Amino acid sequence: MDDDLPAGTRVGRVTLAVADLDRLADFYERVVGLELRERSDDRALLGAETGDPFLELRASDRPERGDDETGLFHVAFRVPDRTALGAAVERIERRWLLDGASDHLVSEALYFRDPEGNGIEVYRDRPRGEWPRTDDGGVEMDSLPLDTDALRADGDGAATVPDGTDVGHVHLEVSDVPAARDFYVGALGFGVRDEWVRDGAPEALFVAAGDYHHHVGLNTWYGCTEPATGLGLAVFELVLPDADALAAAEERLRAAGYDPERDDGGVTVADPDGIRLWLRPE
């Protein structure tokens, strides 16, 4: 049994349970710059102009997410270049509120929240040859100030994200980093790319398939302890290169004591905090 997720693994569609579908769909179009690809009374699919939609909004009567609930820290939309990131900062500042901007050494990122409080990152990767590497083969990341004036000057004023935009990673609020590591690394098969420790205890972990900086981030910064049951992240998708990779991941999960369920050509499984993942082949 292969112990690792293949390098071709990527994050696919992210599904959010939302209270006000009209308002959220309009926000992700006007502010984030996504294209509305499909719409019904209870669902909206958004993405770039072409390719698979990568954000699903589902109308839900779930209660509001509690302050102590685990779940989504942010969903990270990856744009292909700095020009697109400059256009994004223009849109956000003109139509909404930018919460922060950081240089992570491996990427440049913008941070804000949607009208229902879901965290959003829009970022572009630096060329992989520029990523700082650690002695053990991981990557070194940081959170340094990002010059948004210079970034804005590089934008082209586009109202929408370009083709090639996707979900680069999801970042989750979990109740316990070691337990999350046991699931995402020990059972699922991601590799550890970076770990942040404070006072001897892990507070954030960044994991990926292959040599990407991270496909999933995990943190305990806000001390969330309760399972994810409210509005917000409903499920996120991991796309594996083929059926053999899916079968190997399913076998690892079962061997570790999890109970993935076969579902529409893939498998669904919940992490230790009840956060749901759907794994499917490419």
C-alpha atoms as a PDB file:
ATOM      1  CA  MET A   1       0.000   0.000   0.000  1.00  0.00           C
ATOM      2  CA  ASP A   2       1.384   3.396  -1.024  1.00  0.00           C
ATOM      3  CA  ASP A   3       1.676   5.615   2.063  1.00  0.00           C
ATOM      4  CA  ASP A   4       1.604   8.960   0.259  1.00  0.00           C
ATOM      5  CA  LEU A   5      -0.842  10.923  -1.833  1.00  0.00           C
ATOM      6  CA  PRO A   6       0.567  11.297  -5.372  1.00  0.00           C
ATOM      7  CA  ALA A   7       2.102  14.589  -6.400  1.00  0.00           C
ATOM      8  CA  GLY A   8      -0.747  15.230  -8.844  1.00  0.00           C
ATOM      9  CA  THR A   9      -3.298  15.496  -6.042  1.00  0.00           C
ATOM     10  CA  ARG A  10      -5.027  18.880  -5.891  1.00  0.00           C
ATOM     11  CA  VAL A  11      -7.857  20.668  -4.142  1.00  0.00           C
ATOM     12  CA  GLY A  12     -11.046  20.687  -6.210  1.00  0.00           C
ATOM     13  CA  ARG A  13     -14.418  22.221  -5.451  1.00  0.00           C
ATOM     14  CA  VAL A  14     -15.154  23.847  -2.089  1.00  0.00           C
ATOM     15  CA  THR A  15     -18.783  23.887  -0.933  1.00  0.00           C
ATOM     16  CA  LEU A  16     -20.099  26.479   1.522  1.00  0.00           C
ATOM     17  CA  ALA A  17     -23.428  26.272   3.331  1.00  0.00           C
ATOM     18  CA  VAL A  18     -24.836  29.822   3.281  1.00  0.00           C
ATOM     19  CA  ALA A  19     -27.859  31.609   4.721  1.00  0.00           C
ATOM     20  CA  ASP A  20     -28.334  34.236   1.974  1.00  0.00           C
ATOM     21  CA  LEU A  21     -27.569  32.660  -1.390  1.00  0.00           C
ATOM     22  CA  ASP A  22     -28.377  35.770  -3.452  1.00  0.00           C
ATOM     23  CA  ARG A  23     -26.086  37.999  -1.435  1.00  0.00           C
ATOM     24  CA  LEU A  24     -23.206  35.519  -1.337  1.00  0.00           C
ATOM     25  CA  ALA A  25     -23.397  34.730  -5.061  1.00  0.00           C
ATOM     26  CA  ASP A  26     -23.341  38.461  -5.856  1.00  0.00           C
ATOM     27  CA  PHE A  27     -20.369  38.983  -3.506  1.00  0.00           C
ATOM     28  CA  TYR A  28     -18.250  36.246  -5.057  1.00  0.00           C
ATOM     29  CA  GLU A  29     -18.987  37.666  -8.504  1.00  0.00           C
ATOM     30  CA  ARG A  30     -18.450  41.375  -7.836  1.00  0.00           C
ATOM     31  CA  VAL A  31     -15.715  41.337  -5.176  1.00  0.00           C
ATOM     32  CA  VAL A  32     -13.786  38.105  -5.707  1.00  0.00           C
ATOM     33  CA  GLY A  33     -14.315  38.244  -9.462  1.00  0.00           C
ATOM     34  CA  LEU A  34     -15.623  34.725 -10.051  1.00  0.00           C
ATOM     35  CA  GLU A  35     -17.950  33.892 -12.930  1.00  0.00           C
ATOM     36  CA  LEU A  36     -21.430  32.556 -12.142  1.00  0.00           C
ATOM     37  CA  ARG A  37     -21.508  29.277 -14.054  1.00  0.00           C
ATOM     38  CA  GLU A  38     -24.778  27.736 -12.883  1.00  0.00           C
ATOM     39  CA  ARG A  39     -27.660  28.868 -10.684  1.00  0.00           C
ATOM     40  CA  SER A  40     -30.788  27.291  -9.203  1.00  0.00           C
ATOM     41  CA  ASP A  41     -33.088  28.212  -6.312  1.00  0.00           C
ATOM     42  CA  ASP A  42     -30.801  26.600  -3.744  1.00  0.00           C
ATOM     43  CA  ARG A  43     -27.363  26.440  -5.368  1.00  0.00           C
ATOM     44  CA  ALA A  44     -24.815  28.546  -7.224  1.00  0.00           C
ATOM     45  CA  LEU A  45     -21.657  27.291  -8.950  1.00  0.00           C
ATOM     46  CA  LEU A  46     -18.824  29.737  -9.623  1.00  0.00           C
ATOM     47  CA  GLY A  47     -15.339  29.621 -11.088  1.00  0.00           C
ATOM     48  CA  ALA A  48     -13.255  31.080 -13.883  1.00  0.00           C
ATOM     49  CA  GLU A  49     -14.765  31.581 -17.336  1.00  0.00           C
ATOM     50  CA  THR A  50     -13.716  28.106 -18.462  1.00  0.00           C
ATOM     51  CA  GLY A  51     -12.803  24.887 -16.677  1.00  0.00           C
ATOM     52  CA  ASP A  52     -14.600  23.211 -13.814  1.00  0.00           C
ATOM     53  CA  PRO A  53     -16.414  25.445 -11.295  1.00  0.00           C
ATOM     54  CA  PHE A  54     -14.517  25.405  -8.016  1.00  0.00           C
ATOM     55  CA  LEU A  55     -16.893  27.132  -5.574  1.00  0.00           C
ATOM     56  CA  GLU A  56     -20.358  25.859  -4.721  1.00  0.00           C
ATOM     57  CA  LEU A  57     -22.760  27.867  -2.560  1.00  0.00           C
ATOM     58  CA  ARG A  58     -25.668  25.935  -1.086  1.00  0.00           C
ATOM     59  CA  ALA A  59     -28.635  27.577   0.600  1.00  0.00           C
ATOM     60  CA  SER A  60     -28.898  26.122   4.099  1.00  0.00           C
ATOM     61  CA  ASP A  61     -30.981  26.438   7.250  1.00  0.00           C
ATOM     62  CA  ARG A  62     -28.032  25.489   9.459  1.00  0.00           C
ATOM     63  CA  PRO A  63     -27.511  27.765  12.471  1.00  0.00           C
ATOM     64  CA  GLU A  64     -24.750  30.346  12.401  1.00  0.00           C
ATOM     65  CA  ARG A  65     -21.332  28.900  13.065  1.00  0.00           C
ATOM     66  CA  GLY A  66     -20.405  29.290  16.720  1.00  0.00           C
ATOM     67  CA  ASP A  67     -17.240  31.098  17.763  1.00  0.00           C
ATOM     68  CA  ASP A  68     -15.900  27.867  19.268  1.00  0.00           C
ATOM     69  CA  GLU A  69     -16.648  25.672  16.217  1.00  0.00           C
ATOM     70  CA  THR A  70     -13.905  24.209  14.091  1.00  0.00           C
ATOM     71  CA  GLY A  71     -14.189  24.497  10.319  1.00  0.00           C
ATOM     72  CA  LEU A  72     -13.009  26.934   7.677  1.00  0.00           C
ATOM     73  CA  PHE A  73     -10.235  29.420   8.406  1.00  0.00           C
ATOM     74  CA  HIS A  74     -10.138  30.458   4.764  1.00  0.00           C
ATOM     75  CA  VAL A  75     -10.582  29.163   1.258  1.00  0.00           C
ATOM     76  CA  ALA A  76      -7.666  30.244  -0.922  1.00  0.00           C
ATOM     77  CA  PHE A  77      -8.295  31.204  -4.540  1.00  0.00           C
ATOM     78  CA  ARG A  78      -5.048  31.045  -6.497  1.00  0.00           C
ATOM     79  CA  VAL A  79      -4.639  33.410  -9.455  1.00  0.00           C
ATOM     80  CA  PRO A  80      -1.961  32.736 -12.082  1.00  0.00           C
ATOM     81  CA  ASP A  81       0.101  35.921 -11.875  1.00  0.00           C
ATOM     82  CA  ARG A  82       0.784  39.205 -10.113  1.00  0.00           C
ATOM     83  CA  THR A  83      -1.283  41.175 -12.623  1.00  0.00           C
ATOM     84  CA  ALA A  84      -4.386  39.245 -11.584  1.00  0.00           C
ATOM     85  CA  LEU A  85      -3.538  39.728  -7.898  1.00  0.00           C
ATOM     86  CA  GLY A  86      -3.177  43.470  -8.471  1.00  0.00           C
ATOM     87  CA  ALA A  87      -6.608  43.546 -10.118  1.00  0.00           C
ATOM     88  CA  ALA A  88      -7.990  41.619  -7.131  1.00  0.00           C
ATOM     89  CA  VAL A  89      -6.738  44.154  -4.595  1.00  0.00           C
ATOM     90  CA  GLU A  90      -8.378  46.932  -6.646  1.00  0.00           C
ATOM     91  CA  ARG A  91     -11.737  45.120  -6.687  1.00  0.00           C
ATOM     92  CA  ILE A  92     -11.641  44.303  -2.975  1.00  0.00           C
ATOM     93  CA  GLU A  93     -10.685  47.815  -1.872  1.00  0.00           C
ATOM     94  CA  ARG A  94     -13.246  49.422  -4.194  1.00  0.00           C
ATOM     95  CA  ARG A  95     -16.192  47.182  -3.301  1.00  0.00           C
ATOM     96  CA  TRP A  96     -15.426  45.661   0.100  1.00  0.00           C
ATOM     97  CA  LEU A  97     -12.875  45.687   2.936  1.00  0.00           C
ATOM     98  CA  LEU A  98      -9.375  44.221   2.742  1.00  0.00           C
ATOM     99  CA  ASP A  99      -8.375  42.740   6.113  1.00  0.00           C
ATOM    100  CA  GLY A 100      -4.722  42.081   5.393  1.00  0.00           C
ATOM    101  CA  ALA A 101      -1.968  41.396   2.867  1.00  0.00           C
ATOM    102  CA  SER A 102       1.074  39.203   3.417  1.00  0.00           C
ATOM    103  CA  ASP A 103       4.247  38.054   1.725  1.00  0.00           C
ATOM    104  CA  HIS A 104       4.605  34.374   2.684  1.00  0.00           C
ATOM    105  CA  LEU A 105       7.947  33.933   0.856  1.00  0.00           C
ATOM    106  CA  VAL A 106       6.345  31.222  -1.309  1.00  0.00           C
ATOM    107  CA  SER A 107       3.377  33.406  -2.258  1.00  0.00           C
ATOM    108  CA  GLU A 108       1.762  36.839  -2.023  1.00  0.00           C
ATOM    109  CA  ALA A 109      -1.699  36.905  -0.481  1.00  0.00           C
ATOM    110  CA  LEU A 110      -4.724  39.086   0.233  1.00  0.00           C
ATOM    111  CA  TYR A 111      -7.144  38.374   3.093  1.00  0.00           C
ATOM    112  CA  PHE A 112     -10.765  39.346   3.709  1.00  0.00           C
ATOM    113  CA  ARG A 113     -14.128  37.832   4.708  1.00  0.00           C
ATOM    114  CA  ASP A 114     -17.380  37.337   2.872  1.00  0.00           C
ATOM    115  CA  PRO A 115     -20.679  38.783   4.208  1.00  0.00           C
ATOM    116  CA  GLU A 116     -21.287  35.669   6.330  1.00  0.00           C
ATOM    117  CA  GLY A 117     -17.822  35.675   7.877  1.00  0.00           C
ATOM    118  CA  ASN A 118     -16.141  32.990   5.766  1.00  0.00           C
ATOM    119  CA  GLY A 119     -12.430  33.648   5.435  1.00  0.00           C
ATOM    120  CA  ILE A 120     -11.025  34.212   1.941  1.00  0.00           C
ATOM    121  CA  GLU A 121      -7.493  34.361   0.618  1.00  0.00           C
ATOM    122  CA  VAL A 122      -6.641  35.410  -2.925  1.00  0.00           C
ATOM    123  CA  TYR A 123      -3.011  34.682  -3.745  1.00  0.00           C
ATOM    124  CA  ARG A 124      -0.417  34.068  -6.392  1.00  0.00           C
ATOM    125  CA  ASP A 125       2.514  31.701  -6.049  1.00  0.00           C
ATOM    126  CA  ARG A 126       6.064  32.870  -6.472  1.00  0.00           C
ATOM    127  CA  PRO A 127       8.089  30.708  -8.904  1.00  0.00           C
ATOM    128  CA  ARG A 128       8.982  27.438  -7.171  1.00  0.00           C
ATOM    129  CA  GLY A 129      12.677  28.052  -7.666  1.00  0.00           C
ATOM    130  CA  GLU A 130      12.351  31.052  -5.298  1.00  0.00           C
ATOM    131  CA  TRP A 131      10.723  29.130  -2.439  1.00  0.00           C
ATOM    132  CA  PRO A 132      12.997  28.944   0.629  1.00  0.00           C
ATOM    133  CA  ARG A 133      13.731  25.328   1.523  1.00  0.00           C
ATOM    134  CA  THR A 134      14.407  23.749   4.905  1.00  0.00           C
ATOM    135  CA  ASP A 135      17.117  21.200   5.618  1.00  0.00           C
ATOM    136  CA  ASP A 136      14.547  18.396   5.858  1.00  0.00           C
ATOM    137  CA  GLY A 137      13.106  19.110   2.395  1.00  0.00           C
ATOM    138  CA  GLY A 138      10.152  21.249   3.475  1.00  0.00           C
ATOM    139  CA  VAL A 139       9.443  24.866   2.660  1.00  0.00           C
ATOM    140  CA  GLU A 140       9.945  27.919   4.833  1.00  0.00           C
ATOM    141  CA  MET A 141       6.960  30.254   5.076  1.00  0.00           C
ATOM    142  CA  ASP A 142       6.491  33.520   6.938  1.00  0.00           C
ATOM    143  CA  SER A 143       3.936  36.350   7.181  1.00  0.00           C
ATOM    144  CA  LEU A 144       5.678  39.565   6.174  1.00  0.00           C
ATOM    145  CA  PRO A 145       4.059  42.869   5.122  1.00  0.00           C
ATOM    146  CA  LEU A 146       3.021  43.080   1.465  1.00  0.00           C
ATOM    147  CA  ASP A 147       3.229  46.401  -0.393  1.00  0.00           C
ATOM    148  CA  THR A 148      -0.321  46.755  -1.737  1.00  0.00           C
ATOM    149  CA  ASP A 149       0.501  50.061  -3.474  1.00  0.00           C
ATOM    150  CA  ALA A 150       3.073  48.319  -5.651  1.00  0.00           C
ATOM    151  CA  LEU A 151       0.727  45.391  -6.149  1.00  0.00           C
ATOM    152  CA  ARG A 152      -2.134  47.679  -7.205  1.00  0.00           C
ATOM    153  CA  ALA A 153       0.152  49.348  -9.743  1.00  0.00           C
ATOM    154  CA  ASP A 154       0.748  45.954 -11.362  1.00  0.00           C
ATOM    155  CA  GLY A 155      -2.985  45.278 -11.794  1.00  0.00           C
ATOM    156  CA  ASP A 156      -4.857  45.580 -15.068  1.00  0.00           C
ATOM    157  CA  GLY A 157      -8.269  46.583 -13.673  1.00  0.00           C
ATOM    158  CA  ALA A 158      -9.926  43.314 -14.682  1.00  0.00           C
ATOM    159  CA  ALA A 159     -13.375  42.740 -13.216  1.00  0.00           C
ATOM    160  CA  THR A 160     -13.015  38.961 -13.195  1.00  0.00           C
ATOM    161  CA  VAL A 161     -10.335  36.412 -12.403  1.00  0.00           C
ATOM    162  CA  PRO A 162      -8.461  35.014 -15.418  1.00  0.00           C
ATOM    163  CA  ASP A 163      -8.581  31.457 -16.687  1.00  0.00           C
ATOM    164  CA  GLY A 164      -6.171  29.326 -14.703  1.00  0.00           C
ATOM    165  CA  THR A 165      -7.582  30.518 -11.378  1.00  0.00           C
ATOM    166  CA  ASP A 166      -8.438  27.678  -8.996  1.00  0.00           C
ATOM    167  CA  VAL A 167      -8.548  26.751  -5.317  1.00  0.00           C
ATOM    168  CA  GLY A 168      -4.913  26.338  -4.350  1.00  0.00           C
ATOM    169  CA  HIS A 169      -5.525  25.290  -0.760  1.00  0.00           C
ATOM    170  CA  VAL A 170      -7.952  25.300   2.116  1.00  0.00           C
ATOM    171  CA  HIS A 171      -6.986  26.359   5.630  1.00  0.00           C
ATOM    172  CA  LEU A 172      -8.895  24.839   8.527  1.00  0.00           C
ATOM    173  CA  GLU A 173      -9.458  25.666  12.170  1.00  0.00           C
ATOM    174  CA  VAL A 174      -9.037  22.439  14.124  1.00  0.00           C
ATOM    175  CA  SER A 175      -9.234  21.547  17.803  1.00  0.00           C
ATOM    176  CA  ASP A 176      -5.917  19.699  18.029  1.00  0.00           C
ATOM    177  CA  VAL A 177      -2.969  19.838  15.629  1.00  0.00           C
ATOM    178  CA  PRO A 178      -1.481  16.419  16.556  1.00  0.00           C
ATOM    179  CA  ALA A 179      -4.869  14.746  15.997  1.00  0.00           C
ATOM    180  CA  ALA A 180      -5.243  16.560  12.674  1.00  0.00           C
ATOM    181  CA  ARG A 181      -1.729  15.457  11.734  1.00  0.00           C
ATOM    182  CA  ASP A 182      -2.628  11.836  12.486  1.00  0.00           C
ATOM    183  CA  PHE A 183      -5.533  12.114  10.039  1.00  0.00           C
ATOM    184  CA  TYR A 184      -4.154  14.270   7.213  1.00  0.00           C
ATOM    185  CA  VAL A 185      -0.606  12.879   7.266  1.00  0.00           C
ATOM    186  CA  GLY A 186      -0.763   9.483   8.968  1.00  0.00           C
ATOM    187  CA  ALA A 187      -4.041   8.254   7.466  1.00  0.00           C
ATOM    188  CA  LEU A 188      -4.739  10.317   4.352  1.00  0.00           C
ATOM    189  CA  GLY A 189      -1.151  10.513   3.143  1.00  0.00           C
ATOM    190  CA  PHE A 190      -0.195  14.185   2.866  1.00  0.00           C
ATOM    191  CA  GLY A 191       3.393  15.182   3.607  1.00  0.00           C
ATOM    192  CA  VAL A 192       4.354  17.830   6.165  1.00  0.00           C
ATOM    193  CA  ARG A 193       5.725  20.942   4.464  1.00  0.00           C
ATOM    194  CA  ASP A 194       5.975  23.335   7.421  1.00  0.00           C
ATOM    195  CA  GLU A 195       5.037  23.397  11.102  1.00  0.00           C
ATOM    196  CA  TRP A 196       4.749  26.372  13.421  1.00  0.00           C
ATOM    197  CA  VAL A 197       5.377  25.770  17.139  1.00  0.00           C
ATOM    198  CA  ARG A 198       4.805  28.094  20.067  1.00  0.00           C
ATOM    199  CA  ASP A 199       6.041  27.349  23.602  1.00  0.00           C
ATOM    200  CA  GLY A 200       6.851  23.812  22.553  1.00  0.00           C
ATOM    201  CA  ALA A 201       3.367  23.042  21.238  1.00  0.00           C
ATOM    202  CA  PRO A 202       2.358  22.860  17.548  1.00  0.00           C
ATOM    203  CA  GLU A 203      -0.099  25.622  16.619  1.00  0.00           C
ATOM    204  CA  ALA A 204      -0.146  25.327  12.820  1.00  0.00           C
ATOM    205  CA  LEU A 205       0.665  22.654  10.289  1.00  0.00           C
ATOM    206  CA  PHE A 206       0.919  22.897   6.507  1.00  0.00           C
ATOM    207  CA  VAL A 207       0.602  19.689   4.481  1.00  0.00           C
ATOM    208  CA  ALA A 208       0.693  18.871   0.775  1.00  0.00           C
ATOM    209  CA  ALA A 209       0.961  16.188  -1.831  1.00  0.00           C
ATOM    210  CA  GLY A 210       4.273  16.323  -3.690  1.00  0.00           C
ATOM    211  CA  ASP A 211       6.393  19.436  -3.278  1.00  0.00           C
ATOM    212  CA  TYR A 212       3.662  22.094  -3.198  1.00  0.00           C
ATOM    213  CA  HIS A 213       3.900  24.480  -0.225  1.00  0.00           C
ATOM    214  CA  HIS A 214       0.511  23.349   1.114  1.00  0.00           C
ATOM    215  CA  HIS A 215      -2.822  21.986  -0.015  1.00  0.00           C
ATOM    216  CA  VAL A 216      -4.258  22.058   3.514  1.00  0.00           C
ATOM    217  CA  GLY A 217      -3.405  24.360   6.397  1.00  0.00           C
ATOM    218  CA  LEU A 218      -4.421  23.501   9.965  1.00  0.00           C
ATOM    219  CA  ASN A 219      -4.317  25.765  13.006  1.00  0.00           C
ATOM    220  CA  THR A 220      -5.554  26.197  16.596  1.00  0.00           C
ATOM    221  CA  TRP A 221      -5.071  29.969  16.783  1.00  0.00           C
ATOM    222  CA  TYR A 222      -8.605  30.737  18.017  1.00  0.00           C
ATOM    223  CA  GLY A 223      -8.950  27.805  20.398  1.00  0.00           C
ATOM    224  CA  CYS A 224     -11.914  26.196  18.602  1.00  0.00           C
ATOM    225  CA  THR A 225     -13.005  23.002  20.333  1.00  0.00           C
ATOM    226  CA  GLU A 226     -16.490  22.082  19.054  1.00  0.00           C
ATOM    227  CA  PRO A 227     -17.312  20.040  15.929  1.00  0.00           C
ATOM    228  CA  ALA A 228     -18.169  21.857  12.703  1.00  0.00           C
ATOM    229  CA  THR A 229     -21.991  21.906  12.461  1.00  0.00           C
ATOM    230  CA  GLY A 230     -23.000  25.482  11.557  1.00  0.00           C
ATOM    231  CA  LEU A 231     -22.912  27.518   8.387  1.00  0.00           C
ATOM    232  CA  GLY A 232     -19.661  27.715   6.461  1.00  0.00           C
ATOM    233  CA  LEU A 233     -17.630  24.866   5.056  1.00  0.00           C
ATOM    234  CA  ALA A 234     -19.857  21.930   4.100  1.00  0.00           C
ATOM    235  CA  VAL A 235     -17.275  19.806   2.261  1.00  0.00           C
ATOM    236  CA  PHE A 236     -14.108  20.232   0.237  1.00  0.00           C
ATOM    237  CA  GLU A 237     -12.886  18.059  -2.585  1.00  0.00           C
ATOM    238  CA  LEU A 238      -9.515  16.426  -3.090  1.00  0.00           C
ATOM    239  CA  VAL A 239      -8.901  15.302  -6.658  1.00  0.00           C
ATOM    240  CA  LEU A 240      -6.490  12.371  -6.999  1.00  0.00           C
ATOM    241  CA  PRO A 241      -4.745  11.484 -10.277  1.00  0.00           C
ATOM    242  CA  ASP A 242      -6.531   8.163 -10.873  1.00  0.00           C
ATOM    243  CA  ALA A 243      -8.671   5.378  -9.426  1.00  0.00           C
ATOM    244  CA  ASP A 244      -5.637   3.505  -8.074  1.00  0.00           C
ATOM    245  CA  ALA A 245      -4.619   6.522  -5.986  1.00  0.00           C
ATOM    246  CA  LEU A 246      -8.177   6.789  -4.660  1.00  0.00           C
ATOM    247  CA  ALA A 247      -8.244   3.093  -3.737  1.00  0.00           C
ATOM    248  CA  ALA A 248      -4.914   3.415  -1.911  1.00  0.00           C
ATOM    249  CA  ALA A 249      -6.147   6.455   0.050  1.00  0.00           C
ATOM    250  CA  GLU A 250      -9.343   4.629   0.980  1.00  0.00           C
ATOM    251  CA  GLU A 251      -7.337   1.611   2.178  1.00  0.00           C
ATOM    252  CA  ARG A 252      -5.083   3.832   4.317  1.00  0.00           C
ATOM    253  CA  LEU A 253      -8.084   5.533   5.893  1.00  0.00           C
ATOM    254  CA  ARG A 254      -9.760   2.213   6.739  1.00  0.00           C
ATOM    255  CA  ALA A 255      -6.525   0.816   8.161  1.00  0.00           C
ATOM    256  CA  ALA A 256      -6.296   3.877  10.427  1.00  0.00           C
ATOM    257  CA  GLY A 257      -9.809   3.283  11.779  1.00  0.00           C
ATOM    258  CA  TYR A 258     -11.795   5.772   9.662  1.00  0.00           C
ATOM    259  CA  ASP A 259     -14.937   4.835   7.750  1.00  0.00           C
ATOM    260  CA  PRO A 260     -14.925   6.413   4.266  1.00  0.00           C
ATOM    261  CA  GLU A 261     -18.212   6.026   2.411  1.00  0.00           C
ATOM    262  CA  ARG A 262     -18.432   5.304  -1.308  1.00  0.00           C
ATOM    263  CA  ASP A 263     -20.266   8.199  -2.944  1.00  0.00           C
ATOM    264  CA  ASP A 264     -20.796   9.048  -6.625  1.00  0.00           C
ATOM    265  CA  GLY A 265     -17.503   7.648  -7.873  1.00  0.00           C
ATOM    266  CA  GLY A 266     -15.470   8.841  -4.889  1.00  0.00           C
ATOM    267  CA  VAL A 267     -15.335   8.481  -1.134  1.00  0.00           C
ATOM    268  CA  THR A 268     -16.482  10.835   1.620  1.00  0.00           C
ATOM    269  CA  VAL A 269     -14.765  10.914   5.000  1.00  0.00           C
ATOM    270  CA  ALA A 270     -14.788  13.221   8.046  1.00  0.00           C
ATOM    271  CA  ASP A 271     -11.658  14.343   9.872  1.00  0.00           C
ATOM    272  CA  PRO A 272     -11.450  14.249  13.711  1.00  0.00           C
ATOM    273  CA  ASP A 273     -13.378  17.547  13.944  1.00  0.00           C
ATOM    274  CA  GLY A 274     -16.184  16.435  11.635  1.00  0.00           C
ATOM    275  CA  ILE A 275     -14.887  18.429   8.652  1.00  0.00           C
ATOM    276  CA  ARG A 276     -15.966  16.546   5.535  1.00  0.00           C
ATOM    277  CA  LEU A 277     -13.761  15.732   2.545  1.00  0.00           C
ATOM    278  CA  TRP A 278     -14.786  14.143  -0.744  1.00  0.00           C
ATOM    279  CA  LEU A 279     -12.008  12.284  -2.555  1.00  0.00           C
ATOM    280  CA  ARG A 280     -12.424  11.479  -6.245  1.00  0.00           C
ATOM    281  CA  PRO A 281     -10.220  10.521  -9.191  1.00  0.00           C
ATOM    282  CA  GLU A 282      -9.317  13.050 -11.894  1.00  0.00           C
END
